[in-house]
Amino acid sequence: MPALTHSPALVTGAGRGIGRAIAERLGAEGASVTLVARTRADIEAVAAGIVARGGAAHTITADVTDPPAISNALTAAAARFGPLRLLVNNAGIPGPYGPIGTVDPLDWWNSQRVHLLAPLLTMNTGLIKTNETFSRSYRAWLLFVLKLLNLVFGLVGVGIGPTLIGVLSDAMAHRAFGVGSFAALRPGGKAVPGAYALISNACAAASATGILQAIGIFSVFFAWAAVHFLLAGRRLERDLDKLYA
């Protein structure tokens, strides 16, 4: 299996030269590649080649120095292939070259916008969107835990708790019973000499052990549940503060 199978990646300046080579190699390694450039024909040709070789590719035409365009591009890439795992800031403009006094400062500045501003935009926007995705995932997980705990505590509240502890303690007692099976101590249905006392003591010890272990397990579970309720309460409080701030 390729090393980057199903890893969402985005490459800027992916229509030509080094950007094209990077996009093609990522596609060959199994990544799901979003290609971004200003010239649609270039990136569509690269994407067609990746798809023809069994890869996954998506094209987005955008100016990498335009914040709204970058935000929309990253949103579209995540919607197509999932949250980004790889970001390649490859877009660049060759030149202008020459000594001061011969090069147009505005041309030079436009080049630096692509070289410096564009990577900052993509990384900053990508980080914000990644944090938003993580936050949504965390909230979904937290909601699942709360619903699960609500179900468990509801069952305990209607009397399932003692039953569960009883079933668990019986299972633990069965594991702790250390004198063999009852059948071995009562061959032919008759107890061997001393079997009654042996079984009685073993049963008492196993029962005590089973009850202690069952209570311990449930205590750990309820402690875990209490911690998550506390975390959920604190998170919801912060969310409400942000919502009504």
Protein backbone atom coordinates (compact mmCIF):
# COMPACT_ATOMS: atom_id res chain seq x y z
CA MET A 1 0.00 0.00 0.00
CA PRO A 2 1.41 3.46 -0.90
CA ALA A 3 2.79 5.45 2.03
CA LEU A 4 0.30 8.32 1.74
CA THR A 5 -2.87 6.41 0.92
CA HIS A 6 -5.95 8.63 1.38
CA SER A 7 -3.87 11.46 2.90
CA PRO A 8 -5.42 14.76 1.75
CA ALA A 9 -2.78 17.10 0.29
CA LEU A 10 -2.85 20.54 -1.30
CA VAL A 11 -0.17 21.91 -3.62
CA THR A 12 -0.05 25.51 -4.78
CA GLY A 13 1.54 26.33 -8.11
CA ALA A 14 0.81 22.76 -9.13
CA GLY A 15 0.36 23.33 -12.85
CA ARG A 16 3.98 23.49 -13.92
CA GLY A 17 7.57 22.65 -13.05
CA ILE A 18 8.39 21.64 -9.49
CA GLY A 19 4.78 22.00 -8.32
CA ARG A 20 3.61 19.62 -11.00
CA ALA A 21 6.31 17.09 -10.11
CA ILE A 22 5.40 17.28 -6.40
CA ALA A 23 1.68 16.84 -7.11
CA GLU A 24 2.33 13.86 -9.37
CA ARG A 25 4.60 12.20 -6.81
CA LEU A 26 2.08 12.73 -4.02
CA GLY A 27 -0.61 11.20 -6.22
CA ALA A 28 1.65 8.23 -6.97
CA GLU A 29 2.20 7.74 -3.22
CA GLY A 30 -1.55 7.51 -2.66
CA ALA A 31 -2.35 11.03 -1.48
CA SER A 32 -5.60 12.70 -2.50
CA VAL A 33 -4.23 15.83 -4.11
CA THR A 34 -5.87 19.23 -4.52
CA LEU A 35 -4.05 21.28 -7.15
CA VAL A 36 -4.21 25.08 -6.89
CA ALA A 37 -3.02 27.55 -9.53
CA ARG A 38 -4.27 30.49 -11.59
CA THR A 39 -4.25 28.66 -14.94
CA ARG A 40 -7.03 26.06 -15.01
CA ALA A 41 -5.81 24.24 -18.11
CA ASP A 42 -2.45 23.50 -16.50
CA ILE A 43 -3.77 21.98 -13.29
CA GLU A 44 -6.53 20.08 -15.08
CA ALA A 45 -3.90 18.41 -17.26
CA VAL A 46 -1.88 17.44 -14.17
CA ALA A 47 -4.99 16.16 -12.37
CA ALA A 48 -6.01 14.10 -15.42
CA GLY A 49 -2.61 12.42 -15.41
CA ILE A 50 -2.84 11.60 -11.69
CA VAL A 51 -6.32 10.13 -12.09
CA ALA A 52 -5.26 8.15 -15.16
CA ARG A 53 -2.55 6.50 -13.04
CA GLY A 54 -5.08 5.48 -10.40
CA GLY A 55 -4.75 8.46 -8.10
CA ALA A 56 -7.22 11.03 -6.78
CA ALA A 57 -6.97 14.70 -7.74
CA HIS A 58 -9.08 17.84 -7.61
CA THR A 59 -8.39 21.25 -9.17
CA ILE A 60 -9.10 24.73 -7.83
CA THR A 61 -8.31 27.94 -9.66
CA ALA A 62 -7.25 30.63 -7.20
CA ASP A 63 -4.91 33.56 -6.63
CA VAL A 64 -2.75 32.46 -3.69
CA THR A 65 -2.36 36.07 -2.49
CA ASP A 66 -6.13 36.56 -2.16
CA PRO A 67 -7.31 35.67 1.39
CA PRO A 68 -10.95 34.88 0.48
CA ALA A 69 -9.82 32.76 -2.48
CA ILE A 70 -7.43 30.78 -0.26
CA SER A 71 -10.11 30.29 2.38
CA ASN A 72 -12.56 29.03 -0.22
CA ALA A 73 -9.92 26.76 -1.76
CA LEU A 74 -9.06 25.12 1.57
CA THR A 75 -12.75 24.70 2.40
CA ALA A 76 -13.38 23.06 -0.98
CA ALA A 77 -10.33 20.81 -0.60
CA ALA A 78 -11.47 19.63 2.84
CA ALA A 79 -15.01 19.05 1.56
CA ARG A 80 -13.67 16.92 -1.28
CA PHE A 81 -11.02 14.82 0.45
CA GLY A 82 -11.26 15.58 4.18
CA PRO A 83 -9.09 17.74 6.48
CA LEU A 84 -5.65 18.44 5.03
CA ARG A 85 -2.64 16.52 6.24
CA LEU A 86 -0.11 17.86 3.74
CA LEU A 87 0.33 21.42 2.48
CA VAL A 88 2.95 22.34 -0.13
CA ASN A 89 3.47 26.07 -0.66
CA ASN A 90 5.15 25.88 -4.05
CA ALA A 91 3.66 28.84 -5.93
CA GLY A 92 6.29 31.33 -7.03
CA ILE A 93 7.19 33.93 -9.64
CA PRO A 94 10.66 33.96 -11.22
CA GLY A 95 12.23 37.40 -11.04
CA PRO A 96 12.35 40.21 -11.53
CA TYR A 97 16.12 40.08 -11.43
CA GLY A 98 18.57 42.96 -11.50
CA PRO A 99 20.17 45.66 -9.38
CA ILE A 100 18.25 48.38 -7.60
CA GLY A 101 17.45 51.12 -10.01
CA THR A 102 16.79 48.81 -12.90
CA VAL A 103 14.03 46.62 -11.43
CA ASP A 104 10.49 47.93 -10.99
CA PRO A 105 9.84 47.91 -7.20
CA LEU A 106 6.17 47.07 -7.71
CA ASP A 107 7.01 44.06 -9.85
CA TRP A 108 9.46 42.94 -7.16
CA TRP A 109 6.82 43.44 -4.47
CA ASN A 110 4.20 41.47 -6.39
CA SER A 111 6.70 38.62 -6.63
CA GLN A 112 7.34 38.73 -2.89
CA ARG A 113 3.62 38.65 -2.18
CA VAL A 114 3.53 35.25 -3.85
CA HIS A 115 6.71 34.07 -2.12
CA LEU A 116 5.96 35.38 1.39
CA LEU A 117 2.32 36.38 1.81
CA ALA A 118 0.82 33.35 0.04
CA PRO A 119 2.48 30.71 2.27
CA LEU A 120 1.46 32.66 5.37
CA LEU A 121 -2.14 32.83 4.13
CA THR A 122 -2.38 29.13 3.34
CA MET A 123 -0.74 28.04 6.61
CA ASN A 124 -2.72 30.46 8.76
CA THR A 125 -6.05 29.63 7.10
CA GLY A 126 -5.27 25.92 7.10
CA LEU A 127 -4.45 25.98 10.80
CA ILE A 128 -7.67 27.81 11.63
CA LYS A 129 -9.76 25.34 9.64
CA THR A 130 -7.92 22.38 11.20
CA ASN A 131 -8.67 23.71 14.67
CA GLU A 132 -12.32 24.20 13.71
CA THR A 133 -12.51 20.62 12.44
CA PHE A 134 -10.87 19.31 15.63
CA SER A 135 -13.27 21.33 17.74
CA ARG A 136 -16.28 19.89 15.89
CA SER A 137 -14.90 16.37 16.23
CA TYR A 138 -14.25 16.87 19.93
CA ARG A 139 -17.75 18.19 20.49
CA ALA A 140 -19.25 15.24 18.62
CA TRP A 141 -17.20 12.83 20.72
CA LEU A 142 -18.15 14.67 23.90
CA LEU A 143 -21.84 14.55 22.96
CA PHE A 144 -21.56 10.80 22.35
CA VAL A 145 -19.95 10.26 25.76
CA LEU A 146 -22.63 12.33 27.48
CA LYS A 147 -25.43 10.40 25.79
CA LEU A 148 -23.78 7.10 26.69
CA LEU A 149 -23.33 8.13 30.30
CA ASN A 150 -26.91 9.39 30.42
CA LEU A 151 -28.09 6.00 29.21
CA VAL A 152 -25.94 4.12 31.72
CA PHE A 153 -26.94 6.32 34.64
CA GLY A 154 -30.57 6.07 33.56
CA LEU A 155 -30.38 2.28 33.64
CA VAL A 156 -28.66 2.40 37.01
CA GLY A 157 -31.36 4.73 38.26
CA VAL A 158 -34.14 2.27 37.40
CA GLY A 159 -32.45 -0.58 39.26
CA ILE A 160 -30.05 -2.07 36.72
CA GLY A 161 -27.02 -1.05 38.80
CA PRO A 162 -27.36 -3.66 41.56
CA THR A 163 -28.14 -6.31 38.95
CA LEU A 164 -25.02 -5.46 36.95
CA ILE A 165 -22.88 -5.50 40.07
CA GLY A 166 -24.39 -8.86 40.99
CA VAL A 167 -23.72 -10.36 37.56
CA LEU A 168 -20.17 -9.00 37.53
CA SER A 169 -19.47 -10.17 41.08
CA ASP A 170 -20.71 -13.69 40.17
CA ALA A 171 -18.35 -13.72 37.20
CA MET A 172 -15.44 -12.56 39.35
CA ALA A 173 -16.33 -15.10 42.05
CA HIS A 174 -16.38 -17.88 39.46
CA ARG A 175 -12.86 -16.91 38.40
CA ALA A 176 -11.72 -16.74 42.03
CA PHE A 177 -13.14 -20.14 43.08
CA GLY A 178 -9.94 -22.06 43.71
CA VAL A 179 -10.81 -25.64 44.62
CA GLY A 180 -11.80 -27.05 41.24
CA SER A 181 -15.28 -27.93 40.05
CA PHE A 182 -18.19 -29.11 42.17
CA ALA A 183 -18.42 -32.28 40.11
CA ALA A 184 -14.85 -33.26 41.05
CA LEU A 185 -15.67 -32.83 44.74
CA ARG A 186 -18.90 -34.85 44.44
CA PRO A 187 -18.14 -37.91 42.28
CA GLY A 188 -21.29 -39.90 41.60
CA GLY A 189 -23.33 -37.26 43.40
CA LYS A 190 -21.72 -37.99 46.78
CA ALA A 191 -19.47 -35.52 48.48
CA VAL A 192 -15.97 -36.68 49.37
CA PRO A 193 -14.96 -36.40 53.07
CA GLY A 194 -14.40 -32.77 54.03
CA ALA A 195 -15.87 -31.49 50.77
CA TYR A 196 -18.64 -29.51 52.45
CA ALA A 197 -16.30 -27.42 54.56
CA LEU A 198 -13.87 -27.01 51.67
CA ILE A 199 -16.61 -25.89 49.28
CA SER A 200 -18.20 -23.65 51.88
CA ASN A 201 -14.97 -21.85 52.69
CA ALA A 202 -13.99 -21.58 49.03
CA CYS A 203 -17.40 -20.18 48.09
CA ALA A 204 -17.27 -17.60 50.88
CA ALA A 205 -13.79 -16.48 49.86
CA ALA A 206 -14.68 -16.38 46.15
CA SER A 207 -17.88 -14.45 46.83
CA ALA A 208 -16.06 -11.85 48.91
CA THR A 209 -13.39 -11.50 46.25
CA GLY A 210 -15.97 -11.21 43.49
CA ILE A 211 -17.96 -8.52 45.29
CA LEU A 212 -14.83 -6.49 46.04
CA GLN A 213 -13.63 -6.72 42.44
CA ALA A 214 -17.06 -5.81 41.04
CA ILE A 215 -17.33 -2.79 43.34
CA GLY A 216 -13.81 -1.76 42.37
CA ILE A 217 -14.56 -1.97 38.65
CA PHE A 218 -17.77 0.04 38.99
CA SER A 219 -15.98 2.59 41.18
CA VAL A 220 -13.39 3.14 38.46
CA PHE A 221 -16.12 3.44 35.84
CA PHE A 222 -18.09 5.99 37.86
CA ALA A 223 -14.90 7.96 38.57
CA TRP A 224 -14.18 8.00 34.82
CA ALA A 225 -17.74 9.14 34.18
CA ALA A 226 -17.49 11.87 36.81
CA VAL A 227 -14.29 13.24 35.25
CA HIS A 228 -15.93 13.39 31.82
CA PHE A 229 -19.01 15.09 33.21
CA LEU A 230 -16.72 17.67 34.81
CA LEU A 231 -14.83 18.22 31.55
CA ALA A 232 -18.08 18.44 29.61
CA GLY A 233 -19.49 20.98 32.03
CA ARG A 234 -16.38 23.16 31.81
CA ARG A 235 -16.30 22.96 28.01
CA LEU A 236 -19.98 23.81 27.69
CA GLU A 237 -19.53 26.73 30.07
CA ARG A 238 -16.71 28.13 27.92
CA ASP A 239 -18.74 27.60 24.74
CA LEU A 240 -21.71 29.45 26.23
CA ASP A 241 -19.46 32.30 27.34
CA LYS A 242 -18.12 32.62 23.78
CA LEU A 243 -21.61 32.37 22.31
CA TYR A 244 -23.07 35.16 24.43
CA ALA A 245 -19.94 37.31 24.70
